[in-house]
Amino acid sequence: MNIIKKPIKSFKGDGKFVYVCYSLEDSEVVFPILTKLDERRFRVRYDECNQEEVKVDALRKHNIKNCEIFLAFLSKKALESPYVVNQLEMSQSFEANIFLVYIDGQETADSASRIFGPDVKGIRLDETDDDTLMGVLDQLLKDCQEPEKIEERVLTYEELLDEVYPEQENANKDSFVNNTDQENDNIKRSAASAKKAASMAKTQKRQKNGRSFINAILVVGVMALIAFLIYLFFGEQISQMLSEDNRVVNFIAAPTVFSHLFGWIL
């Protein structure tokens, strides 16, 4: 089996997604477009294996049945591929929302019309430039786009693993993707609990800092009040104690004044 490195990973999270059908023979044309879709935060799914295995076939049916848009890149080579034709037939049987991108012009468009009928939606690459194509796809696939705010995003398995196990080695990340749904649900719950605990800790820290600030203000206020009361009730006596004319006399009287002061405070 020939292994071709894909430009992006197939989306595995929740939410509306676009399912992409294409022939590996057309990778040179298709892969740059998939990269641009990924940069625009579109959820893109596709078969990660082209072997006709029972498991892959079941997953393919699930994806085509539940996709928001069935996006097929068609060429003469693609229409000769049993793998592509199989997906096109599934898209019709599941009444998917089909949009076709014709790679090599009118001949392929005519062939597609015979398969899907004259009303099928599509666009020819030989009649459009890259900006126009991406504009059409942006409008078509907007419901399959991730929200901009990170807290609203649905984490993929890879992102979730990075959050729960930031020190985990890459070798173990692959095994995480192959876990059972129950195991992954447990990890998701652990991640949610960890995020909630971190949020609570931050809130408590802010509250503690706020209380410390208020307590400091209260202490300063009380000290200022005491100083004011001392001045109000004993200002005259203290002034007399510090005057040069009564320095000796008030040196003797000072203990009496301060005893009254501390008695009043207590």
Protein backbone atom coordinates (compact mmCIF):
# COMPACT_ATOMS: atom_id res chain seq x y z
CA MET A 1 0.00 0.00 0.00
CA ASN A 2 1.36 3.43 -0.94
CA ILE A 3 1.35 5.81 2.02
CA ILE A 4 0.97 9.48 1.13
CA LYS A 5 1.44 12.04 3.87
CA LYS A 6 -1.75 14.08 4.20
CA PRO A 7 -1.47 17.89 4.60
CA ILE A 8 -3.93 18.02 7.51
CA LYS A 9 -5.42 15.58 10.00
CA SER A 10 -8.95 14.37 9.53
CA PHE A 11 -11.24 16.12 12.03
CA LYS A 12 -12.37 13.80 14.85
CA GLY A 13 -14.30 16.14 17.13
CA ASP A 14 -17.97 17.12 17.37
CA GLY A 15 -19.83 19.72 15.32
CA LYS A 16 -20.78 20.16 11.69
CA PHE A 17 -18.10 19.06 9.26
CA VAL A 18 -17.36 18.82 5.55
CA TYR A 19 -16.52 15.41 4.13
CA VAL A 20 -13.97 15.52 1.30
CA CYS A 21 -13.85 12.93 -1.47
CA TYR A 22 -10.93 12.88 -3.88
CA SER A 23 -8.51 10.60 -5.67
CA LEU A 24 -4.93 10.35 -4.45
CA GLU A 25 -3.99 10.79 -8.11
CA ASP A 26 -5.16 14.41 -7.75
CA SER A 27 -3.29 15.11 -4.49
CA GLU A 28 -1.13 17.80 -6.09
CA VAL A 29 -4.26 19.89 -6.76
CA VAL A 30 -6.39 18.91 -3.76
CA PHE A 31 -3.90 19.09 -0.88
CA PRO A 32 -3.17 22.86 -1.16
CA ILE A 33 -6.94 23.50 -1.06
CA LEU A 34 -7.33 21.30 2.04
CA THR A 35 -4.52 23.24 3.70
CA LYS A 36 -6.32 26.54 3.00
CA LEU A 37 -9.55 25.12 4.42
CA ASP A 38 -7.71 24.08 7.56
CA GLU A 39 -6.17 27.57 7.89
CA ARG A 40 -9.71 28.97 7.76
CA ARG A 41 -10.62 26.68 10.67
CA PHE A 42 -12.98 24.43 8.72
CA ARG A 43 -13.71 20.98 10.13
CA VAL A 44 -12.58 18.64 7.36
CA ARG A 45 -13.03 14.87 7.38
CA TYR A 46 -11.86 12.35 4.85
CA ASP A 47 -10.82 8.70 4.68
CA GLU A 48 -7.40 8.22 6.22
CA CYS A 49 -7.08 4.80 4.60
CA ASN A 50 -8.08 3.74 1.08
CA GLN A 51 -8.28 0.03 1.84
CA GLU A 52 -11.72 -1.51 1.50
CA GLU A 53 -11.85 -2.85 5.05
CA VAL A 54 -15.12 -3.38 6.94
CA LYS A 55 -14.18 -0.88 9.65
CA VAL A 56 -13.14 1.82 7.18
CA ASP A 57 -16.26 1.26 5.08
CA ALA A 58 -18.52 1.64 8.13
CA LEU A 59 -16.75 4.84 9.17
CA ARG A 60 -17.02 6.20 5.63
CA LYS A 61 -20.77 5.57 5.59
CA HIS A 62 -21.14 7.31 8.94
CA ASN A 63 -19.18 10.34 7.78
CA ILE A 64 -21.01 10.71 4.47
CA LYS A 65 -24.39 10.25 6.14
CA ASN A 66 -23.70 12.88 8.82
CA CYS A 67 -21.65 15.48 6.93
CA GLU A 68 -22.96 19.00 6.39
CA ILE A 69 -21.41 19.18 2.91
CA PHE A 70 -20.12 16.38 0.68
CA LEU A 71 -17.26 18.07 -1.19
CA ALA A 72 -15.96 15.99 -4.10
CA PHE A 73 -12.93 16.84 -6.23
CA LEU A 74 -13.55 15.19 -9.59
CA SER A 75 -11.30 14.48 -12.51
CA LYS A 76 -11.14 11.86 -15.22
CA LYS A 77 -8.83 9.82 -12.99
CA ALA A 78 -11.13 10.22 -10.00
CA LEU A 79 -14.17 8.96 -11.93
CA GLU A 80 -12.16 5.87 -12.88
CA SER A 81 -11.35 5.11 -9.23
CA PRO A 82 -13.61 2.49 -7.56
CA TYR A 83 -12.78 4.15 -4.25
CA VAL A 84 -14.15 7.53 -5.39
CA VAL A 85 -17.14 6.05 -7.24
CA ASN A 86 -18.08 4.15 -4.07
CA GLN A 87 -18.23 7.41 -2.11
CA LEU A 88 -20.18 9.19 -4.84
CA GLU A 89 -22.79 6.42 -4.77
CA MET A 90 -23.02 6.66 -0.99
CA SER A 91 -23.52 10.41 -1.15
CA GLN A 92 -26.48 9.89 -3.48
CA SER A 93 -28.02 7.10 -1.39
CA PHE A 94 -27.79 9.22 1.78
CA GLU A 95 -29.05 12.32 -0.09
CA ALA A 96 -26.02 14.32 1.04
CA ASN A 97 -25.61 18.02 0.27
CA ILE A 98 -23.23 17.59 -2.66
CA PHE A 99 -20.85 20.17 -4.09
CA LEU A 100 -18.43 19.25 -6.87
CA VAL A 101 -15.11 20.80 -7.81
CA TYR A 102 -14.17 19.88 -11.39
CA ILE A 103 -10.40 19.65 -11.68
CA ASP A 104 -9.99 19.13 -15.42
CA GLY A 105 -12.76 21.06 -17.08
CA GLN A 106 -15.91 20.52 -19.07
CA GLU A 107 -15.44 16.84 -19.84
CA THR A 108 -15.52 15.93 -16.18
CA ALA A 109 -18.45 18.30 -15.58
CA ASP A 110 -20.43 16.54 -18.30
CA SER A 111 -19.66 13.14 -16.79
CA ALA A 112 -20.77 14.35 -13.34
CA SER A 113 -24.02 15.69 -14.79
CA ARG A 114 -24.82 12.24 -16.13
CA ILE A 115 -24.26 10.81 -12.63
CA PHE A 116 -25.87 13.47 -10.43
CA GLY A 117 -28.18 15.26 -12.87
CA PRO A 118 -27.89 18.72 -14.43
CA ASP A 119 -28.83 20.61 -11.23
CA VAL A 120 -25.87 19.45 -9.14
CA LYS A 121 -23.90 22.33 -7.63
CA GLY A 122 -20.27 22.69 -8.64
CA ILE A 123 -17.43 24.87 -9.89
CA ARG A 124 -14.74 24.38 -12.56
CA LEU A 125 -11.14 25.10 -11.60
CA ASP A 126 -10.26 26.08 -15.17
CA GLU A 127 -12.83 28.90 -14.99
CA THR A 128 -11.87 30.40 -11.62
CA ASP A 129 -8.85 31.63 -9.69
CA ASP A 130 -7.80 30.66 -6.18
CA ASP A 131 -9.36 33.68 -4.47
CA THR A 132 -12.72 33.14 -6.16
CA LEU A 133 -12.66 29.43 -5.34
CA MET A 134 -11.92 30.05 -1.65
CA GLY A 135 -14.62 32.73 -1.55
CA VAL A 136 -17.17 30.21 -2.85
CA LEU A 137 -16.01 27.56 -0.37
CA ASP A 138 -15.99 30.06 2.51
CA GLN A 139 -19.64 30.86 1.85
CA LEU A 140 -20.59 27.25 1.24
CA LEU A 141 -18.86 25.77 4.29
CA LYS A 142 -19.35 28.56 6.86
CA ASP A 143 -21.50 26.31 9.11
CA CYS A 144 -18.58 23.87 9.28
CA GLN A 145 -16.20 26.48 10.67
CA GLU A 146 -14.82 26.48 14.19
CA PRO A 147 -15.84 29.46 16.39
CA GLU A 148 -13.10 32.04 16.87
CA LYS A 149 -13.26 32.04 20.67
CA ILE A 150 -11.12 29.28 22.10
CA GLU A 151 -13.51 28.56 24.98
CA GLU A 152 -16.25 27.74 22.47
CA ARG A 153 -14.13 25.34 20.44
CA VAL A 154 -14.61 21.59 20.55
CA LEU A 155 -11.25 20.07 21.41
CA THR A 156 -9.85 17.45 19.11
CA TYR A 157 -8.33 14.39 20.72
CA GLU A 158 -4.82 15.76 20.20
CA GLU A 159 -5.67 19.12 21.81
CA LEU A 160 -7.47 17.41 24.67
CA LEU A 161 -4.51 15.18 25.34
CA ASP A 162 -2.14 18.16 25.39
CA GLU A 163 -4.35 19.81 28.00
CA VAL A 164 -4.78 16.76 30.25
CA TYR A 165 -1.29 15.34 29.83
CA PRO A 166 1.00 18.19 28.75
CA GLU A 167 4.12 16.10 29.44
CA GLN A 168 2.88 13.08 27.50
CA GLU A 169 5.18 11.77 24.78
CA ASN A 170 4.02 11.85 21.18
CA ALA A 171 4.20 8.07 20.99
CA ASN A 172 1.40 7.78 23.52
CA LYS A 173 -0.80 10.31 21.73
CA ASP A 174 -1.43 7.89 18.88
CA SER A 175 -2.68 5.26 21.29
CA PHE A 176 -4.98 7.84 22.88
CA VAL A 177 -6.76 8.37 19.56
CA ASN A 178 -7.40 4.62 19.39
CA ASN A 179 -8.96 4.43 22.85
CA THR A 180 -12.56 3.36 23.34
CA ASP A 181 -15.25 6.04 23.53
CA GLN A 182 -15.67 5.33 27.25
CA GLU A 183 -11.95 5.89 27.92
CA ASN A 184 -11.97 9.13 25.96
CA ASP A 185 -15.12 10.28 27.76
CA ASN A 186 -13.35 9.70 31.07
CA ILE A 187 -10.41 11.82 29.91
CA LYS A 188 -12.77 14.55 28.73
CA ARG A 189 -14.45 14.60 32.14
CA SER A 190 -11.04 14.78 33.81
CA ALA A 191 -10.09 17.71 31.59
CA ALA A 192 -13.34 19.50 32.43
CA SER A 193 -12.78 18.94 36.16
CA ALA A 194 -9.20 20.20 35.91
CA LYS A 195 -10.30 23.36 34.10
CA LYS A 196 -13.07 23.94 36.66
CA ALA A 197 -10.65 23.49 39.56
CA ALA A 198 -8.16 25.90 37.98
CA SER A 199 -10.91 28.46 37.46
CA MET A 200 -12.06 28.14 41.08
CA ALA A 201 -8.47 28.53 42.31
CA LYS A 202 -8.05 31.73 40.31
CA THR A 203 -11.35 33.08 41.68
CA GLN A 204 -10.36 32.28 45.27
CA LYS A 205 -6.98 33.95 44.77
CA ARG A 206 -8.64 37.12 43.46
CA GLN A 207 -11.05 37.11 46.41
CA LYS A 208 -8.20 36.62 48.89
CA ASN A 209 -6.22 39.47 47.35
CA GLY A 210 -9.33 41.66 47.50
CA ARG A 211 -9.88 40.87 51.19
CA SER A 212 -6.24 41.62 51.99
CA PHE A 213 -6.51 44.99 50.30
CA ILE A 214 -9.71 45.86 52.16
CA ASN A 215 -8.17 44.77 55.49
CA ALA A 216 -5.15 46.99 54.86
CA ILE A 217 -7.44 49.96 54.16
CA LEU A 218 -9.39 49.26 57.37
CA VAL A 219 -6.19 49.13 59.46
CA VAL A 220 -4.96 52.42 58.02
CA GLY A 221 -8.39 53.96 58.58
CA VAL A 222 -8.55 52.82 62.21
CA MET A 223 -5.05 54.15 62.88
CA ALA A 224 -5.96 57.49 61.33
CA LEU A 225 -9.13 57.62 63.43
CA ILE A 226 -7.20 56.92 66.63
CA ALA A 227 -4.65 59.63 65.75
CA PHE A 228 -7.48 62.08 65.12
CA LEU A 229 -9.20 61.25 68.42
CA ILE A 230 -5.91 61.60 70.30
CA TYR A 231 -5.43 65.00 68.78
CA LEU A 232 -9.06 65.94 69.48
CA PHE A 233 -9.05 65.01 73.16
CA PHE A 234 -5.40 65.37 74.16
CA GLY A 235 -3.98 67.81 71.63
CA GLU A 236 -3.85 70.69 74.06
CA GLN A 237 -2.11 68.70 76.78
CA ILE A 238 0.45 67.32 74.35
CA SER A 239 1.13 70.80 73.00
CA GLN A 240 1.69 72.05 76.52
CA MET A 241 4.04 69.11 77.25
CA LEU A 242 6.17 69.97 74.23
CA SER A 243 6.32 73.72 74.86
CA GLU A 244 9.73 74.94 75.98
CA ASP A 245 8.27 76.93 78.94
CA ASN A 246 6.73 73.83 80.54
CA ARG A 247 9.32 71.24 79.48
CA VAL A 248 10.26 70.21 83.06
CA VAL A 249 6.76 70.37 84.51
CA ASN A 250 5.17 68.46 81.64
CA PHE A 251 7.95 65.87 81.71
CA ILE A 252 6.54 64.95 85.11
CA ALA A 253 2.92 65.26 83.94
CA ALA A 254 3.45 63.17 80.78
CA PRO A 255 2.89 59.76 82.42
CA THR A 256 -0.45 60.99 83.72
CA VAL A 257 -1.59 62.12 80.27
CA PHE A 258 -0.55 58.87 78.60
CA SER A 259 -2.16 56.77 81.34
CA HIS A 260 -5.44 58.58 80.61
CA LEU A 261 -4.88 58.01 76.90
CA PHE A 262 -4.32 54.25 77.17
CA GLY A 263 -7.17 53.93 79.63
CA TRP A 264 -9.49 55.64 77.14
CA ILE A 265 -8.31 53.39 74.27
CA LEU A 266 -8.72 50.23 76.36
